[in-house]
Protein backbone atom coordinates (compact mmCIF):
# COMPACT_ATOMS: atom_id res chain seq x y z
CA MET A 1 -115.16 22.98 113.98
CA LEU A 2 -111.16 22.31 113.67
CA THR A 3 -109.57 24.52 110.90
CA LEU A 4 -105.98 23.78 110.13
CA ALA A 5 -104.78 26.86 108.05
CA PHE A 6 -101.50 27.58 105.85
CA GLU A 7 -99.96 30.85 105.02
CA SER A 8 -97.46 30.99 102.37
CA SER A 9 -97.71 33.72 100.04
CA ALA A 10 -94.57 35.75 100.97
CA LYS A 11 -91.18 35.47 102.80
CA ALA A 12 -93.13 34.47 106.26
CA ALA A 13 -94.56 31.18 106.77
CA SER A 14 -97.27 29.87 109.22
CA ALA A 15 -99.70 27.07 109.95
CA ALA A 16 -102.53 27.60 112.77
CA VAL A 17 -105.49 25.59 114.04
CA MET A 18 -108.80 27.21 114.96
CA ARG A 19 -111.64 25.75 116.84
CA ASP A 20 -114.98 27.37 116.32
CA GLY A 21 -113.21 30.94 115.82
CA GLU A 22 -111.00 30.17 118.90
CA LEU A 23 -107.12 30.00 117.97
CA LEU A 24 -105.70 27.16 119.54
CA GLY A 25 -102.05 27.59 118.37
CA GLN A 26 -99.75 28.76 115.42
CA TYR A 27 -96.30 28.31 114.38
CA PHE A 28 -94.66 31.33 112.58
CA GLN A 29 -91.49 31.61 110.86
CA ASN A 30 -89.70 34.54 109.00
CA SER A 31 -86.37 33.03 108.19
CA GLY A 32 -86.64 33.09 104.44
CA LEU A 33 -86.36 29.24 104.17
CA THR A 34 -88.03 27.56 101.27
CA HIS A 35 -91.50 26.88 102.32
CA SER A 36 -91.73 23.39 100.94
CA ARG A 37 -88.88 22.75 103.65
CA THR A 38 -90.97 24.78 106.67
CA LEU A 39 -94.69 24.54 106.08
CA LEU A 40 -95.68 20.95 106.46
CA PRO A 41 -93.35 20.29 109.56
CA MET A 42 -94.63 23.41 111.24
CA ALA A 43 -98.04 21.94 110.84
CA GLU A 44 -97.28 18.50 111.95
CA ASP A 45 -95.41 19.84 115.25
CA LEU A 46 -98.40 22.12 115.87
CA ILE A 47 -100.84 19.48 115.60
CA LYS A 48 -99.10 16.92 117.59
CA ASN A 49 -98.43 19.51 120.27
CA LEU A 50 -102.31 20.16 120.44
CA GLY A 51 -102.84 16.32 120.81
CA LEU A 52 -104.57 16.10 117.53
CA THR A 53 -104.11 14.66 114.19
CA LEU A 54 -104.68 15.72 110.66
CA GLY A 55 -107.49 13.15 110.50
CA ASP A 56 -109.35 15.13 113.32
CA MET A 57 -109.34 18.27 111.08
CA ASP A 58 -112.74 19.33 109.37
CA LEU A 59 -111.49 22.03 107.11
CA PHE A 60 -108.04 22.87 105.42
CA ALA A 61 -107.80 26.80 104.55
CA VAL A 62 -104.80 28.57 102.62
CA SER A 63 -104.18 31.68 101.40
CA ARG A 64 -104.56 31.54 97.50
CA GLY A 65 -102.97 34.90 96.61
CA PRO A 66 -101.92 37.49 95.41
CA GLY A 67 -98.37 37.00 96.40
CA SER A 68 -95.33 35.03 95.64
CA PHE A 69 -95.95 32.73 92.32
CA THR A 70 -93.74 30.06 94.26
CA GLY A 71 -95.18 30.35 97.61
CA ILE A 72 -98.64 30.55 96.55
CA ARG A 73 -98.26 27.20 94.70
CA ILE A 74 -96.65 25.43 97.52
CA GLY A 75 -99.38 26.22 99.92
CA VAL A 76 -102.48 25.69 97.71
CA ALA A 77 -100.62 22.33 96.50
CA THR A 78 -100.14 21.21 100.12
CA VAL A 79 -103.58 21.82 101.19
CA LYS A 80 -104.99 19.97 97.90
CA GLY A 81 -102.68 17.08 98.78
CA ILE A 82 -104.02 16.76 102.18
CA ALA A 83 -107.67 17.23 101.29
CA TRP A 84 -107.59 14.95 98.41
CA ALA A 85 -105.66 12.03 100.95
CA LEU A 86 -108.31 12.67 103.75
CA GLU A 87 -111.42 13.53 101.64
CA LYS A 88 -111.62 16.70 103.43
CA PRO A 89 -112.84 20.33 102.46
CA VAL A 90 -111.07 23.08 101.65
CA CYS A 91 -111.13 26.89 101.42
CA GLY A 92 -108.78 29.47 99.84
CA VAL A 93 -108.98 32.79 100.93
CA SER A 94 -107.62 36.25 99.40
CA THR A 95 -104.28 36.98 100.84
CA LEU A 96 -105.26 40.48 101.60
CA GLU A 97 -108.49 39.55 103.07
CA ALA A 98 -106.85 37.49 105.33
CA MET A 99 -104.19 40.35 106.25
CA ALA A 100 -107.04 42.57 107.22
CA ARG A 101 -107.89 40.86 110.31
CA LEU A 102 -104.31 41.99 111.54
CA GLY A 103 -106.01 45.46 111.24
CA VAL A 104 -108.82 45.09 113.78
CA CYS A 105 -106.29 46.15 116.54
CA ALA A 106 -106.27 49.68 114.79
CA GLY A 107 -109.69 50.14 116.44
CA GLU A 108 -113.32 50.91 115.21
CA GLY A 109 -113.69 52.95 112.06
CA ALA A 110 -110.03 52.51 111.10
CA LEU A 111 -108.93 52.38 107.60
CA VAL A 112 -106.60 49.41 106.93
CA CYS A 113 -104.39 49.29 103.87
CA CYS A 114 -103.09 46.10 103.23
CA ALA A 115 -99.79 45.98 101.27
CA MET A 116 -97.49 43.30 99.89
CA ASP A 117 -94.46 44.46 97.79
CA ALA A 118 -95.38 43.20 94.24
CA ARG A 119 -92.02 44.62 92.80
CA ARG A 120 -92.04 46.87 89.73
CA GLY A 121 -93.01 49.67 91.67
CA GLU A 122 -96.30 48.33 92.90
CA VAL A 123 -98.05 46.62 95.85
CA TYR A 124 -100.61 43.95 96.04
CA ASN A 125 -103.29 46.12 97.81
CA ALA A 126 -106.94 46.13 99.20
CA LEU A 127 -108.38 48.71 101.53
CA PHE A 128 -110.76 47.64 104.48
CA GLU A 129 -112.67 49.44 107.00
CA ILE A 130 -113.29 48.38 110.45
CA ARG A 131 -116.87 48.07 111.42
CA GLY A 132 -118.24 46.03 114.50
CA GLY A 133 -114.92 44.39 115.08
CA GLU A 134 -114.85 43.07 111.52
CA PRO A 135 -112.60 43.96 108.43
CA VAL A 136 -115.21 45.30 105.56
CA ARG A 137 -113.78 45.28 102.14
CA MET A 138 -113.81 48.95 100.57
CA SER A 139 -111.65 47.94 97.26
CA PRO A 140 -110.83 44.69 94.99
CA ASP A 141 -107.57 42.99 95.32
CA ARG A 142 -105.42 45.00 93.11
CA ALA A 143 -101.62 45.36 91.93
CA ILE A 144 -101.45 49.32 91.99
CA ALA A 145 -98.48 52.04 92.17
CA VAL A 146 -97.92 53.58 95.34
CA GLN A 147 -98.49 56.92 93.84
CA ALA A 148 -102.13 55.87 92.58
CA LEU A 149 -103.00 54.42 95.96
CA ALA A 150 -101.75 57.86 97.47
CA GLY A 151 -104.35 59.59 95.20
CA GLU A 152 -106.98 57.52 96.69
CA LEU A 153 -106.03 57.93 100.08
CA ALA A 154 -105.63 61.79 99.90
CA GLY A 155 -106.92 63.32 103.05
CA LYS A 156 -107.42 60.03 104.83
CA SER A 157 -105.64 58.18 107.50
CA VAL A 158 -104.66 54.84 107.21
CA TYR A 159 -103.27 51.78 109.12
CA VAL A 160 -101.01 49.55 106.88
CA VAL A 161 -100.39 45.84 107.63
CA GLY A 162 -98.40 43.51 105.57
CA ASP A 163 -94.67 42.49 104.60
CA GLY A 164 -95.12 45.67 101.99
CA ALA A 165 -95.94 48.02 105.17
CA ALA A 166 -92.56 49.35 105.56
CA LEU A 167 -92.21 50.24 101.41
CA CYS A 168 -95.94 51.29 101.19
CA CYS A 169 -95.74 53.67 104.60
CA ARG A 170 -92.56 55.33 102.96
CA GLY A 171 -94.03 55.99 99.77
CA LEU A 172 -97.45 57.35 101.23
CA SER A 173 -95.87 59.28 103.74
CA GLU A 174 -93.55 61.10 101.08
CA LEU A 175 -96.86 61.86 99.00
CA GLY A 176 -98.49 63.43 102.04
CA VAL A 177 -100.60 60.56 103.17
CA ASP A 178 -101.23 60.32 107.19
CA CYS A 179 -100.40 56.60 107.43
CA ARG A 180 -99.46 54.24 110.56
CA MET A 181 -97.56 50.94 110.15
CA ALA A 182 -98.61 48.13 112.42
CA PRO A 183 -96.28 46.93 115.00
CA GLU A 184 -93.92 44.06 113.78
CA ILE A 185 -95.86 41.37 115.91
CA VAL A 186 -98.83 41.83 114.15
CA ARG A 187 -97.75 43.03 110.59
CA TYR A 188 -97.16 40.27 108.79
CA GLN A 189 -99.75 37.84 107.02
CA CYS A 190 -100.29 34.83 109.03
CA ALA A 191 -102.35 31.70 109.19
CA TRP A 192 -104.31 32.61 112.06
CA GLY A 193 -105.76 35.29 109.49
CA VAL A 194 -106.42 32.84 106.77
CA ALA A 195 -108.29 30.64 109.47
CA ALA A 196 -110.41 33.74 110.53
CA ALA A 197 -111.37 34.83 107.04
CA ALA A 198 -112.25 31.04 105.89
CA ARG A 199 -115.02 31.08 108.56
CA MET A 200 -116.41 33.81 106.05
CA GLU A 201 -116.30 31.60 102.78
CA ASP A 202 -117.73 28.59 101.62
CA ALA A 203 -115.80 25.12 101.48
CA VAL A 204 -115.24 23.29 98.36
CA LYS A 205 -113.60 20.21 97.08
CA GLY A 206 -109.91 20.17 96.88
CA GLU A 207 -109.60 19.91 93.11
CA GLU A 208 -111.82 23.31 92.81
CA LEU A 209 -109.03 25.12 94.80
CA SER A 210 -106.92 27.57 92.67
CA PRO A 211 -104.22 30.07 92.93
CA VAL A 212 -105.06 33.75 92.11
CA TYR A 213 -102.07 35.55 91.04
CA LEU A 214 -103.49 39.14 89.88
CA ARG A 215 -100.81 39.23 87.07
CA LEU A 216 -98.23 37.31 85.16
CA SER A 217 -95.09 35.73 86.48
CA GLN A 218 -91.94 37.24 85.48
CA ALA A 219 -91.12 34.24 83.36
CA GLU A 220 -94.37 34.56 81.62
CA ARG A 221 -93.92 38.45 81.38
CA GLU A 222 -90.34 37.91 79.70
CA ARG A 223 -91.90 35.48 77.14
CA ARG A 224 -94.63 37.89 76.25
CA GLU A 225 -92.18 40.86 75.66
CA ARG A 226 -89.62 38.29 73.83
CA LEU A 227 -92.45 37.34 71.38
CA GLN A 228 -93.42 40.91 71.03
CA ARG A 229 -89.98 41.73 69.98
CA GLU A 230 -89.69 39.03 67.68
CA ARG A 231 -92.71 39.87 65.92
CA ALA A 232 -91.93 43.75 65.71
CA GLU A 233 -88.46 42.82 64.19
CA LYS A 234 -90.37 40.39 61.57
CA ALA A 235 -92.63 43.14 60.58
């Protein structure tokens, strides 16, 4: 099976092609350019250089969240559009589940802490343990304060991956947690992880794919706060 995977949940963007679990190629960019400018061109160049076409793909996979609201929407919309045009199945995976694949290099038994900067003093996080060369989930995806996470990890050693790794490691270390940050080359969320995680999920039709945000967007939060203030003033 040929899978074309996309990752656009944070600053970095990437596209990867996998055949039956073997990575054929990946394009990765961490320039901060808008994903609407970079994602499809990367995928098109990658496929062309592999001597393939979009029509050759059997499955399209994407990280559906958590992460950047704009980035997730771009990735999900891209996959839904391609799948609709080609009448092919899709697979949306947890961004954190895909990131956990990067922790396999930490070795058997390692506790992998996936971290994305969620702003407002929190990280999007999930914990995984490497067993038999595969990440096994130990916690749900959540937005959590670093201090609260440190309480869960007290007395444990963790291997931290993700674009929030530096922030998370700094906070955890200050709170006495033994943590090790992944090297930069295997730190950031990438499309290879998405493709690998998709092998463990069921494919669906494009119209069934939807993003997962975990919490409200800034605009929605500000609107809710404004309405609460207005109601309080009228009371």
